[in-house]
Protein backbone atom coordinates (compact mmCIF):
# COMPACT_ATOMS: atom_id res chain seq x y z
CA UNK A 1 -9.11 -14.37 27.31
CA UNK A 2 -11.34 -11.40 28.01
CA UNK A 3 -12.73 -9.16 25.32
CA UNK A 4 -10.28 -6.44 26.41
CA UNK A 5 -7.39 -8.82 25.71
CA UNK A 6 -8.64 -9.55 22.20
CA UNK A 7 -9.18 -5.85 21.58
CA UNK A 8 -5.68 -5.02 22.80
CA UNK A 9 -4.28 -7.56 20.34
CA UNK A 10 -6.41 -6.06 17.55
CA UNK A 11 -5.13 -2.58 18.48
CA UNK A 12 -1.53 -3.80 18.27
CA UNK A 13 -2.19 -5.38 14.87
CA UNK A 14 -3.82 -2.13 13.67
CA UNK A 15 -0.70 -0.21 14.68
CA UNK A 16 1.47 -2.66 12.76
CA UNK A 17 -0.80 -2.47 9.72
CA UNK A 18 -0.59 1.32 9.73
CA UNK A 19 3.20 1.23 10.04
CA UNK A 20 3.45 -1.29 7.20
CA UNK A 21 1.04 0.60 4.93
CA UNK A 22 3.02 3.79 5.43
CA UNK A 23 6.25 1.93 4.68
CA UNK A 24 4.64 0.51 1.55
CA UNK A 25 3.64 4.03 0.50
CA UNK A 26 7.19 5.27 1.08
CA UNK A 27 8.52 2.52 -1.15
CA UNK A 28 5.94 3.39 -3.80
CA UNK A 29 7.25 6.97 -3.74
CA UNK A 30 10.78 5.67 -4.33
CA UNK A 31 9.56 3.48 -7.20
CA UNK A 32 7.68 6.48 -8.61
CA UNK A 33 10.82 8.60 -8.56
CA UNK A 34 12.72 5.89 -10.44
CA UNK A 35 9.88 5.52 -12.95
CA UNK A 36 9.85 9.26 -13.53
CA UNK A 37 13.63 9.36 -13.99
CA UNK A 38 13.50 6.76 -16.77
CA UNK A 39 10.17 7.85 -18.28
CA UNK A 40 8.05 4.88 -17.21
CA UNK A 41 4.35 5.58 -16.48
CA UNK A 42 3.17 5.47 -12.85
CA UNK A 43 0.30 3.15 -13.77
CA UNK A 44 1.31 -0.47 -14.28
CA UNK A 45 -1.80 -2.65 -14.71
CA UNK A 46 0.28 -5.83 -15.12
CA UNK A 47 2.03 -5.23 -11.80
CA UNK A 48 -1.30 -4.53 -10.10
CA UNK A 49 -2.77 -7.78 -11.45
CA UNK A 50 0.30 -9.66 -10.25
CA UNK A 51 -0.04 -8.21 -6.74
CA UNK A 52 -3.74 -9.07 -6.57
CA UNK A 53 -3.15 -12.58 -7.91
CA UNK A 54 -0.28 -13.21 -5.49
CA UNK A 55 -2.28 -11.97 -2.49
CA UNK A 56 -5.23 -14.18 -3.42
CA UNK A 57 -2.91 -17.16 -3.85
CA UNK A 58 -1.33 -16.53 -0.45
CA UNK A 59 -4.64 -15.96 1.34
CA UNK A 60 -5.76 -18.76 3.64
CA UNK A 61 -8.76 -16.98 5.18
CA UNK A 62 -10.93 -16.26 6.91
CA UNK A 63 -11.09 -13.33 4.46
CA UNK A 64 -12.46 -14.48 1.14
CA UNK A 65 -10.86 -13.65 -2.20
CA UNK A 66 -13.28 -10.81 -2.89
CA UNK A 67 -12.36 -9.11 0.38
CA UNK A 68 -8.63 -9.53 -0.30
CA UNK A 69 -8.99 -8.01 -3.76
CA UNK A 70 -11.03 -5.07 -2.43
CA UNK A 71 -8.51 -4.36 0.33
CA UNK A 72 -5.48 -4.55 -1.92
CA UNK A 73 -7.11 -2.52 -4.69
CA UNK A 74 -7.64 0.24 -2.15
CA UNK A 75 -4.08 -0.04 -0.85
CA UNK A 76 -2.74 0.13 -4.41
CA UNK A 77 -5.02 3.08 -5.22
CA UNK A 78 -3.83 5.05 -2.19
CA UNK A 79 -0.20 4.16 -2.91
CA UNK A 80 -0.56 5.45 -6.48
CA UNK A 81 -2.05 8.69 -5.17
CA UNK A 82 0.91 9.25 -2.87
CA UNK A 83 3.35 8.16 -5.57
CA UNK A 84 1.84 10.58 -8.08
CA UNK A 85 1.61 13.46 -5.62
CA UNK A 86 5.20 13.02 -4.50
CA UNK A 87 6.71 12.57 -7.95
CA UNK A 88 4.92 15.65 -9.26
CA UNK A 89 5.89 17.84 -6.30
CA UNK A 90 9.08 19.91 -6.42
CA UNK A 91 11.93 18.39 -4.40
CA UNK A 92 11.65 20.98 -1.60
CA UNK A 93 7.95 20.29 -1.16
CA UNK A 94 8.40 16.51 -0.99
CA UNK A 95 9.85 16.66 2.50
CA UNK A 96 6.78 18.56 3.69
CA UNK A 97 4.43 16.00 2.15
CA UNK A 98 6.10 13.14 4.01
């Protein structure tokens, strides 16, 4: 394969990653709304540890564990930001934020 072929495959993967990260954020917003409705805090350190542990267990490289943890910590952080922003916004404004 030529370098352009590899890059095209990387571009396609990047598009899928973006789509999946946005879907993940949408689901976090839904979870946040449910948490708010029943009075559960947005932050759930046990859940975050479980996600990080599971991702490290499922990782078979070439990324090392440290890289996996850094990536998923950032994904979780950004998801919490969206979740918090959306659950604190009035219902009418939520549609604009999405």
